[in-house]
Amino acid sequence: MCFELDSVPPIPLIRGAAVSHEDLVLEARDGNRFAAFAAKPDERGDVGVVILPDVRGLYRFYEELALRFAERGIAAVAFDYFGRTAGIAKRGDDFDYMDHVSQTTPEGVQADAGAAVEYLRANGARSIVTVGFCFGGRHSWLAAAGGHGLAGAIGFYGRPGVGGDGTPGPTQRAAELQAPILALQAGADQNITPEDNAAFEAALTAAGVEHELTTYEGAPHSFFDRRQEQFAAQSEDAWSRVLGSIERWATQR
């Protein structure tokens, strides 16, 4: 499990920011219809973010994260992974997400991510970045090989190597990645080792992919959570790197 359902992003709310938000149903090119949540600044800009949640799919944490981006002038769409198997209706806390995670495919996740990218482009975004967490961190990096024309791809504590289902990860597909990579990893992650991160960084370097990989020593998986006050400094640093990377990549487009 990644975040608890009552977790919230450790990002200050900007009170009085002119933003709007809405629940969406998007459709991927393969016909899949899936739930999403959009937040955008009232003053339209040209930068957008696609948020790839953890294994639980779309829930409050990621809706709040989309709002925090919008407050800072960045349009954001967070999307759900389970339209193909669970439909588009709101779900309760007892949702058996792992049964649905096992039915996802890299191709399906990228088709849905592509629809979110297209939504942002249709609404004026010129420079688009993916930001993902855990399961979504891995797929955020893989989105750089998805033909979406991204400005960059950011992942928090994603698994970079071969997946549990044997599918190649960002490390194995480094030569296919067509956008800069930011990796924000947890030093005390029980499932992602220092060797995993070193192999990812070596593969990115060998492939000539612009990248930054930061490991927060002692921080656990899912440290980016306001409830984990002891990791507030690491969370603040990670958020600063996210915003800095998005701004830098946007100017390179």
C-alpha atoms as a PDB file:
ATOM      1  CA  MET A   1       0.000   0.000   0.000  1.00  0.00           C
ATOM      2  CA  CYS A   2       1.111   3.548  -0.655  1.00  0.00           C
ATOM      3  CA  PHE A   3      -0.696   6.451   1.044  1.00  0.00           C
ATOM      4  CA  GLU A   4      -3.528   5.967   3.522  1.00  0.00           C
ATOM      5  CA  LEU A   5      -6.865   7.260   2.261  1.00  0.00           C
ATOM      6  CA  ASP A   6      -6.784  10.208   4.675  1.00  0.00           C
ATOM      7  CA  SER A   7      -3.300  11.326   3.622  1.00  0.00           C
ATOM      8  CA  VAL A   8      -2.810  14.753   2.074  1.00  0.00           C
ATOM      9  CA  PRO A   9       0.067  16.270   0.094  1.00  0.00           C
ATOM     10  CA  PRO A  10       2.580  18.141   2.285  1.00  0.00           C
ATOM     11  CA  ILE A  11       2.189  21.293   0.204  1.00  0.00           C
ATOM     12  CA  PRO A  12       0.909  24.634   1.519  1.00  0.00           C
ATOM     13  CA  LEU A  13      -2.489  25.631   0.203  1.00  0.00           C
ATOM     14  CA  ILE A  14      -2.468  29.045  -1.508  1.00  0.00           C
ATOM     15  CA  ARG A  15      -5.637  30.654  -0.203  1.00  0.00           C
ATOM     16  CA  GLY A  16      -7.454  32.912  -2.592  1.00  0.00           C
ATOM     17  CA  ALA A  17      -5.853  31.394  -5.691  1.00  0.00           C
ATOM     18  CA  ALA A  18      -8.210  31.588  -8.664  1.00  0.00           C
ATOM     19  CA  VAL A  19      -8.667  27.959  -9.697  1.00  0.00           C
ATOM     20  CA  SER A  20     -11.480  25.737 -10.907  1.00  0.00           C
ATOM     21  CA  HIS A  21     -11.893  21.973 -10.823  1.00  0.00           C
ATOM     22  CA  GLU A  22     -14.151  19.238 -12.132  1.00  0.00           C
ATOM     23  CA  ASP A  23     -14.662  15.499 -12.300  1.00  0.00           C
ATOM     24  CA  LEU A  24     -14.120  14.153 -15.808  1.00  0.00           C
ATOM     25  CA  VAL A  25     -14.708  11.038 -17.837  1.00  0.00           C
ATOM     26  CA  LEU A  26     -12.008  10.719 -20.491  1.00  0.00           C
ATOM     27  CA  GLU A  27     -11.784   8.244 -23.343  1.00  0.00           C
ATOM     28  CA  ALA A  28      -8.577   6.603 -24.523  1.00  0.00           C
ATOM     29  CA  ARG A  29      -7.891   5.777 -28.152  1.00  0.00           C
ATOM     30  CA  ASP A  30      -8.754   2.124 -27.511  1.00  0.00           C
ATOM     31  CA  GLY A  31     -12.251   3.181 -26.397  1.00  0.00           C
ATOM     32  CA  ASN A  32     -11.682   2.831 -22.655  1.00  0.00           C
ATOM     33  CA  ARG A  33     -13.644   5.363 -20.587  1.00  0.00           C
ATOM     34  CA  PHE A  34     -12.146   6.248 -17.225  1.00  0.00           C
ATOM     35  CA  ALA A  35     -12.505   8.713 -14.368  1.00  0.00           C
ATOM     36  CA  ALA A  36     -10.261  11.732 -13.976  1.00  0.00           C
ATOM     37  CA  PHE A  37     -10.087  14.967 -11.992  1.00  0.00           C
ATOM     38  CA  ALA A  38      -8.977  18.265 -13.521  1.00  0.00           C
ATOM     39  CA  ALA A  39      -7.822  21.425 -11.759  1.00  0.00           C
ATOM     40  CA  LYS A  40      -6.766  24.539 -13.613  1.00  0.00           C
ATOM     41  CA  PRO A  41      -5.891  28.137 -12.899  1.00  0.00           C
ATOM     42  CA  ASP A  42      -8.477  30.641 -14.058  1.00  0.00           C
ATOM     43  CA  GLU A  43      -5.713  32.470 -15.893  1.00  0.00           C
ATOM     44  CA  ARG A  44      -4.886  29.998 -18.621  1.00  0.00           C
ATOM     45  CA  GLY A  45      -1.228  29.027 -18.942  1.00  0.00           C
ATOM     46  CA  ASP A  46       0.747  26.752 -21.222  1.00  0.00           C
ATOM     47  CA  VAL A  47       2.092  24.223 -18.689  1.00  0.00           C
ATOM     48  CA  GLY A  48       0.222  21.069 -17.674  1.00  0.00           C
ATOM     49  CA  VAL A  49       0.793  18.056 -15.447  1.00  0.00           C
ATOM     50  CA  VAL A  50      -0.649  14.548 -15.722  1.00  0.00           C
ATOM     51  CA  ILE A  51      -0.744  12.884 -12.294  1.00  0.00           C
ATOM     52  CA  LEU A  52      -0.388   9.083 -12.131  1.00  0.00           C
ATOM     53  CA  PRO A  53      -1.591   7.849  -8.712  1.00  0.00           C
ATOM     54  CA  ASP A  54      -0.373   4.946  -6.648  1.00  0.00           C
ATOM     55  CA  VAL A  55      -1.923   1.459  -6.786  1.00  0.00           C
ATOM     56  CA  ARG A  56      -5.254   2.653  -5.378  1.00  0.00           C
ATOM     57  CA  GLY A  57      -6.001   4.767  -8.412  1.00  0.00           C
ATOM     58  CA  LEU A  58      -7.784   8.094  -8.196  1.00  0.00           C
ATOM     59  CA  TYR A  59      -8.690   9.291  -4.704  1.00  0.00           C
ATOM     60  CA  ARG A  60      -8.552  12.427  -2.571  1.00  0.00           C
ATOM     61  CA  PHE A  61      -4.756  12.714  -2.215  1.00  0.00           C
ATOM     62  CA  TYR A  62      -4.320  13.108  -5.957  1.00  0.00           C
ATOM     63  CA  GLU A  63      -7.260  15.454  -6.362  1.00  0.00           C
ATOM     64  CA  GLU A  64      -5.693  17.662  -3.687  1.00  0.00           C
ATOM     65  CA  LEU A  65      -2.330  17.433  -5.439  1.00  0.00           C
ATOM     66  CA  ALA A  66      -3.940  18.585  -8.698  1.00  0.00           C
ATOM     67  CA  LEU A  67      -5.355  21.595  -6.847  1.00  0.00           C
ATOM     68  CA  ARG A  68      -1.949  22.471  -5.403  1.00  0.00           C
ATOM     69  CA  PHE A  69      -0.498  22.524  -8.927  1.00  0.00           C
ATOM     70  CA  ALA A  70      -3.368  24.680 -10.197  1.00  0.00           C
ATOM     71  CA  GLU A  71      -2.829  27.179  -7.384  1.00  0.00           C
ATOM     72  CA  ARG A  72       0.670  27.617  -8.751  1.00  0.00           C
ATOM     73  CA  GLY A  73      -0.506  28.265 -12.294  1.00  0.00           C
ATOM     74  CA  ILE A  74      -0.125  24.707 -13.614  1.00  0.00           C
ATOM     75  CA  ALA A  75      -3.136  22.876 -15.045  1.00  0.00           C
ATOM     76  CA  ALA A  76      -3.334  19.304 -13.753  1.00  0.00           C
ATOM     77  CA  VAL A  77      -5.254  16.113 -14.489  1.00  0.00           C
ATOM     78  CA  ALA A  78      -5.152  13.094 -12.167  1.00  0.00           C
ATOM     79  CA  PHE A  79      -6.583   9.920 -13.665  1.00  0.00           C
ATOM     80  CA  ASP A  80      -7.793   6.496 -12.561  1.00  0.00           C
ATOM     81  CA  TYR A  81      -6.352   3.198 -13.820  1.00  0.00           C
ATOM     82  CA  PHE A  82      -9.378   0.938 -13.515  1.00  0.00           C
ATOM     83  CA  GLY A  83     -11.923   2.059 -16.094  1.00  0.00           C
ATOM     84  CA  ARG A  84     -11.544  -1.222 -17.963  1.00  0.00           C
ATOM     85  CA  THR A  85     -12.334  -3.385 -14.936  1.00  0.00           C
ATOM     86  CA  ALA A  86     -14.152  -1.219 -12.344  1.00  0.00           C
ATOM     87  CA  GLY A  87     -15.923   1.419 -14.426  1.00  0.00           C
ATOM     88  CA  ILE A  88     -16.102   5.157 -13.773  1.00  0.00           C
ATOM     89  CA  ALA A  89     -18.239   5.364 -10.616  1.00  0.00           C
ATOM     90  CA  LYS A  90     -16.908   6.706  -7.306  1.00  0.00           C
ATOM     91  CA  ARG A  91     -15.660   3.901  -5.051  1.00  0.00           C
ATOM     92  CA  GLY A  92     -15.744   3.225  -1.327  1.00  0.00           C
ATOM     93  CA  ASP A  93     -12.813   2.751   1.031  1.00  0.00           C
ATOM     94  CA  ASP A  94     -13.239  -1.032   0.804  1.00  0.00           C
ATOM     95  CA  PHE A  95     -12.418  -1.134  -2.913  1.00  0.00           C
ATOM     96  CA  ASP A  96     -10.278  -4.207  -3.691  1.00  0.00           C
ATOM     97  CA  TYR A  97      -7.746  -2.265  -5.735  1.00  0.00           C
ATOM     98  CA  MET A  98      -5.091  -4.993  -5.954  1.00  0.00           C
ATOM     99  CA  ASP A  99      -7.437  -7.268  -7.869  1.00  0.00           C
ATOM    100  CA  HIS A 100      -7.717  -4.492 -10.452  1.00  0.00           C
ATOM    101  CA  VAL A 101      -4.028  -3.549 -10.429  1.00  0.00           C
ATOM    102  CA  SER A 102      -3.223  -7.098 -11.509  1.00  0.00           C
ATOM    103  CA  GLN A 103      -5.426  -6.590 -14.568  1.00  0.00           C
ATOM    104  CA  THR A 104      -3.738  -3.406 -15.752  1.00  0.00           C
ATOM    105  CA  THR A 105      -1.205  -3.467 -18.589  1.00  0.00           C
ATOM    106  CA  PRO A 106       1.559  -0.996 -19.453  1.00  0.00           C
ATOM    107  CA  GLU A 107      -0.181  -0.413 -22.778  1.00  0.00           C
ATOM    108  CA  GLY A 108      -3.498   0.374 -21.090  1.00  0.00           C
ATOM    109  CA  VAL A 109      -1.934   2.773 -18.596  1.00  0.00           C
ATOM    110  CA  GLN A 110      -0.163   4.610 -21.408  1.00  0.00           C
ATOM    111  CA  ALA A 111      -3.338   4.804 -23.499  1.00  0.00           C
ATOM    112  CA  ASP A 112      -5.101   6.465 -20.571  1.00  0.00           C
ATOM    113  CA  ALA A 113      -2.149   8.762 -19.874  1.00  0.00           C
ATOM    114  CA  GLY A 114      -2.250   9.757 -23.537  1.00  0.00           C
ATOM    115  CA  ALA A 115      -5.904  10.771 -23.220  1.00  0.00           C
ATOM    116  CA  ALA A 116      -5.045  12.952 -20.216  1.00  0.00           C
ATOM    117  CA  VAL A 117      -2.214  14.556 -22.193  1.00  0.00           C
ATOM    118  CA  GLU A 118      -4.578  15.229 -25.083  1.00  0.00           C
ATOM    119  CA  TYR A 119      -7.111  16.818 -22.707  1.00  0.00           C
ATOM    120  CA  LEU A 120      -4.470  19.219 -21.403  1.00  0.00           C
ATOM    121  CA  ARG A 121      -3.296  20.065 -24.911  1.00  0.00           C
ATOM    122  CA  ALA A 122      -6.878  20.750 -26.008  1.00  0.00           C
ATOM    123  CA  ASN A 123      -7.111  23.198 -23.122  1.00  0.00           C
ATOM    124  CA  GLY A 124      -4.008  25.169 -24.019  1.00  0.00           C
ATOM    125  CA  ALA A 125      -1.076  23.332 -22.426  1.00  0.00           C
ATOM    126  CA  ARG A 126       2.022  23.381 -24.603  1.00  0.00           C
ATOM    127  CA  SER A 127       4.508  21.834 -22.183  1.00  0.00           C
ATOM    128  CA  ILE A 128       3.277  18.703 -20.361  1.00  0.00           C
ATOM    129  CA  VAL A 129       4.989  16.708 -17.604  1.00  0.00           C
ATOM    130  CA  THR A 130       3.906  13.479 -15.923  1.00  0.00           C
ATOM    131  CA  VAL A 131       4.191  13.105 -12.135  1.00  0.00           C
ATOM    132  CA  GLY A 132       3.625   9.683 -10.602  1.00  0.00           C
ATOM    133  CA  PHE A 133       3.825   7.883  -7.266  1.00  0.00           C
ATOM    134  CA  CYS A 134       4.822   4.262  -6.564  1.00  0.00           C
ATOM    135  CA  PHE A 135       3.055   2.255  -9.334  1.00  0.00           C
ATOM    136  CA  GLY A 136       2.446   5.626 -10.985  1.00  0.00           C
ATOM    137  CA  GLY A 137       6.076   6.676 -10.584  1.00  0.00           C
ATOM    138  CA  ARG A 138       7.182   3.736 -12.685  1.00  0.00           C
ATOM    139  CA  HIS A 139       4.529   4.446 -15.314  1.00  0.00           C
ATOM    140  CA  SER A 140       5.344   8.155 -15.284  1.00  0.00           C
ATOM    141  CA  TRP A 141       8.908   7.368 -16.338  1.00  0.00           C
ATOM    142  CA  LEU A 142       7.629   4.872 -18.908  1.00  0.00           C
ATOM    143  CA  ALA A 143       5.399   7.633 -20.286  1.00  0.00           C
ATOM    144  CA  ALA A 144       8.593   9.230 -21.578  1.00  0.00           C
ATOM    145  CA  ALA A 145       8.705   6.270 -24.008  1.00  0.00           C
ATOM    146  CA  GLY A 146       4.999   6.448 -24.770  1.00  0.00           C
ATOM    147  CA  GLY A 147       5.073   8.856 -27.691  1.00  0.00           C
ATOM    148  CA  HIS A 148       3.217  11.566 -25.768  1.00  0.00           C
ATOM    149  CA  GLY A 149       5.642  14.397 -26.586  1.00  0.00           C
ATOM    150  CA  LEU A 150       6.356  15.093 -22.922  1.00  0.00           C
ATOM    151  CA  ALA A 151       8.573  17.859 -21.631  1.00  0.00           C
ATOM    152  CA  GLY A 152       9.640  15.619 -18.740  1.00  0.00           C
ATOM    153  CA  ALA A 153       8.654  12.719 -16.464  1.00  0.00           C
ATOM    154  CA  ILE A 154       8.797  12.706 -12.660  1.00  0.00           C
ATOM    155  CA  GLY A 155       8.442   9.713 -10.365  1.00  0.00           C
ATOM    156  CA  PHE A 156       8.307   9.357  -6.581  1.00  0.00           C
ATOM    157  CA  TYR A 157       9.528   5.990  -5.254  1.00  0.00           C
ATOM    158  CA  GLY A 158       8.806   4.116  -8.451  1.00  0.00           C
ATOM    159  CA  ARG A 159      10.225   0.688  -9.238  1.00  0.00           C
ATOM    160  CA  PRO A 160      12.692   1.225 -12.082  1.00  0.00           C
ATOM    161  CA  GLY A 161      13.559  -2.384 -12.867  1.00  0.00           C
ATOM    162  CA  VAL A 162      11.713  -5.385 -14.258  1.00  0.00           C
ATOM    163  CA  GLY A 163       8.121  -5.569 -12.988  1.00  0.00           C
ATOM    164  CA  GLY A 164       6.632  -8.377 -10.959  1.00  0.00           C
ATOM    165  CA  ASP A 165       4.918  -9.524 -14.128  1.00  0.00           C
ATOM    166  CA  GLY A 166       8.227  -9.654 -15.978  1.00  0.00           C
ATOM    167  CA  THR A 167       7.628  -6.525 -18.063  1.00  0.00           C
ATOM    168  CA  PRO A 168      10.685  -4.325 -18.687  1.00  0.00           C
ATOM    169  CA  GLY A 169      10.928  -1.197 -16.581  1.00  0.00           C
ATOM    170  CA  PRO A 170      12.428   2.244 -17.167  1.00  0.00           C
ATOM    171  CA  THR A 171      15.915   0.830 -16.566  1.00  0.00           C
ATOM    172  CA  GLN A 172      15.527  -1.729 -19.335  1.00  0.00           C
ATOM    173  CA  ARG A 173      13.848   0.821 -21.637  1.00  0.00           C
ATOM    174  CA  ALA A 174      16.169   3.735 -20.911  1.00  0.00           C
ATOM    175  CA  ALA A 175      17.211   4.060 -24.558  1.00  0.00           C
ATOM    176  CA  GLU A 176      13.534   4.617 -25.493  1.00  0.00           C
ATOM    177  CA  LEU A 177      12.922   7.474 -23.045  1.00  0.00           C
ATOM    178  CA  GLN A 178      12.416  10.691 -24.984  1.00  0.00           C
ATOM    179  CA  ALA A 179      12.129  13.208 -22.146  1.00  0.00           C
ATOM    180  CA  PRO A 180      14.182  14.270 -19.101  1.00  0.00           C
ATOM    181  CA  ILE A 181      13.692  12.201 -15.952  1.00  0.00           C
ATOM    182  CA  LEU A 182      13.409  13.242 -12.298  1.00  0.00           C
ATOM    183  CA  ALA A 183      13.452  10.349  -9.796  1.00  0.00           C
ATOM    184  CA  LEU A 184      12.726  11.029  -6.114  1.00  0.00           C
ATOM    185  CA  GLN A 185      13.462   7.826  -4.236  1.00  0.00           C
ATOM    186  CA  ALA A 186      13.143   6.728  -0.607  1.00  0.00           C
ATOM    187  CA  GLY A 187      16.342   5.538   1.014  1.00  0.00           C
ATOM    188  CA  ALA A 188      14.514   3.244   3.447  1.00  0.00           C
ATOM    189  CA  ASP A 189      12.208   1.762   0.815  1.00  0.00           C
ATOM    190  CA  GLN A 190      11.891  -1.949   1.552  1.00  0.00           C
ATOM    191  CA  ASN A 191      11.104  -2.904  -2.037  1.00  0.00           C
ATOM    192  CA  ILE A 192      13.396  -0.633  -4.069  1.00  0.00           C
ATOM    193  CA  THR A 193      17.063  -1.130  -3.287  1.00  0.00           C
ATOM    194  CA  PRO A 194      20.065   1.163  -3.720  1.00  0.00           C
ATOM    195  CA  GLU A 195      21.198  -1.277  -6.414  1.00  0.00           C
ATOM    196  CA  ASP A 196      17.912  -0.759  -8.273  1.00  0.00           C
ATOM    197  CA  ASN A 197      18.419   3.006  -8.222  1.00  0.00           C
ATOM    198  CA  ALA A 198      22.086   2.749  -9.215  1.00  0.00           C
ATOM    199  CA  ALA A 199      21.184   0.542 -12.174  1.00  0.00           C
ATOM    200  CA  PHE A 200      18.509   3.028 -13.269  1.00  0.00           C
ATOM    201  CA  GLU A 201      20.897   5.954 -13.089  1.00  0.00           C
ATOM    202  CA  ALA A 202      23.598   4.027 -14.956  1.00  0.00           C
ATOM    203  CA  ALA A 203      21.136   3.082 -17.705  1.00  0.00           C
ATOM    204  CA  LEU A 204      19.961   6.688 -18.079  1.00  0.00           C
ATOM    205  CA  THR A 205      23.550   7.900 -18.283  1.00  0.00           C
ATOM    206  CA  ALA A 206      24.477   5.262 -20.860  1.00  0.00           C
ATOM    207  CA  ALA A 207      21.413   6.205 -22.942  1.00  0.00           C
ATOM    208  CA  GLY A 208      22.250   9.909 -22.792  1.00  0.00           C
ATOM    209  CA  VAL A 209      18.948  10.766 -21.066  1.00  0.00           C
ATOM    210  CA  GLU A 210      18.943  14.005 -19.088  1.00  0.00           C
ATOM    211  CA  HIS A 211      18.138  13.014 -15.528  1.00  0.00           C
ATOM    212  CA  GLU A 212      18.335  13.675 -11.816  1.00  0.00           C
ATOM    213  CA  LEU A 213      17.982  10.888  -9.261  1.00  0.00           C
ATOM    214  CA  THR A 214      17.743  11.927  -5.611  1.00  0.00           C
ATOM    215  CA  THR A 215      17.533   9.442  -2.765  1.00  0.00           C
ATOM    216  CA  TYR A 216      16.305  10.669   0.624  1.00  0.00           C
ATOM    217  CA  GLU A 217      18.273   8.608   3.111  1.00  0.00           C
ATOM    218  CA  GLY A 218      16.168   7.190   5.942  1.00  0.00           C
ATOM    219  CA  ALA A 219      12.896   8.191   4.311  1.00  0.00           C
ATOM    220  CA  PRO A 220      10.333   5.409   3.849  1.00  0.00           C
ATOM    221  CA  HIS A 221       8.207   4.632   0.839  1.00  0.00           C
ATOM    222  CA  SER A 222       5.376   7.208   0.684  1.00  0.00           C
ATOM    223  CA  PHE A 223       7.254   9.793   2.741  1.00  0.00           C
ATOM    224  CA  PHE A 224       5.570  12.582   0.735  1.00  0.00           C
ATOM    225  CA  ASP A 225       2.645  12.903   3.132  1.00  0.00           C
ATOM    226  CA  ARG A 226       1.775  15.713   5.549  1.00  0.00           C
ATOM    227  CA  ARG A 227       1.082  13.135   8.273  1.00  0.00           C
ATOM    228  CA  GLN A 228       4.746  12.065   8.231  1.00  0.00           C
ATOM    229  CA  GLU A 229       5.987  15.203   9.930  1.00  0.00           C
ATOM    230  CA  GLN A 230       9.455  13.775  10.553  1.00  0.00           C
ATOM    231  CA  PHE A 231      10.055  13.851   6.788  1.00  0.00           C
ATOM    232  CA  ALA A 232       8.784  17.384   6.220  1.00  0.00           C
ATOM    233  CA  ALA A 233      12.213  18.627   5.118  1.00  0.00           C
ATOM    234  CA  GLN A 234      12.558  15.830   2.567  1.00  0.00           C
ATOM    235  CA  SER A 235       9.051  16.506   1.274  1.00  0.00           C
ATOM    236  CA  GLU A 236       9.751  20.216   0.961  1.00  0.00           C
ATOM    237  CA  ASP A 237      12.939  19.512  -0.954  1.00  0.00           C
ATOM    238  CA  ALA A 238      11.176  17.040  -3.252  1.00  0.00           C
ATOM    239  CA  TRP A 239       8.376  19.514  -4.025  1.00  0.00           C
ATOM    240  CA  SER A 240      10.959  22.204  -4.770  1.00  0.00           C
ATOM    241  CA  ARG A 241      12.682  19.865  -7.210  1.00  0.00           C
ATOM    242  CA  VAL A 242       9.359  19.041  -8.881  1.00  0.00           C
ATOM    243  CA  LEU A 243       8.472  22.691  -9.434  1.00  0.00           C
ATOM    244  CA  GLY A 244      12.018  23.596 -10.465  1.00  0.00           C
ATOM    245  CA  SER A 245      12.175  20.793 -13.008  1.00  0.00           C
ATOM    246  CA  ILE A 246       8.780  21.662 -14.497  1.00  0.00           C
ATOM    247  CA  GLU A 247       9.792  25.313 -14.861  1.00  0.00           C
ATOM    248  CA  ARG A 248      13.152  24.423 -16.409  1.00  0.00           C
ATOM    249  CA  TRP A 249      11.721  21.883 -18.827  1.00  0.00           C
ATOM    250  CA  ALA A 250       8.959  24.267 -19.888  1.00  0.00           C
ATOM    251  CA  THR A 251      11.516  26.861 -20.946  1.00  0.00           C
ATOM    252  CA  GLN A 252      13.335  24.244 -23.037  1.00  0.00           C
ATOM    253  CA  ARG A 253      10.278  23.470 -25.182  1.00  0.00           C
END
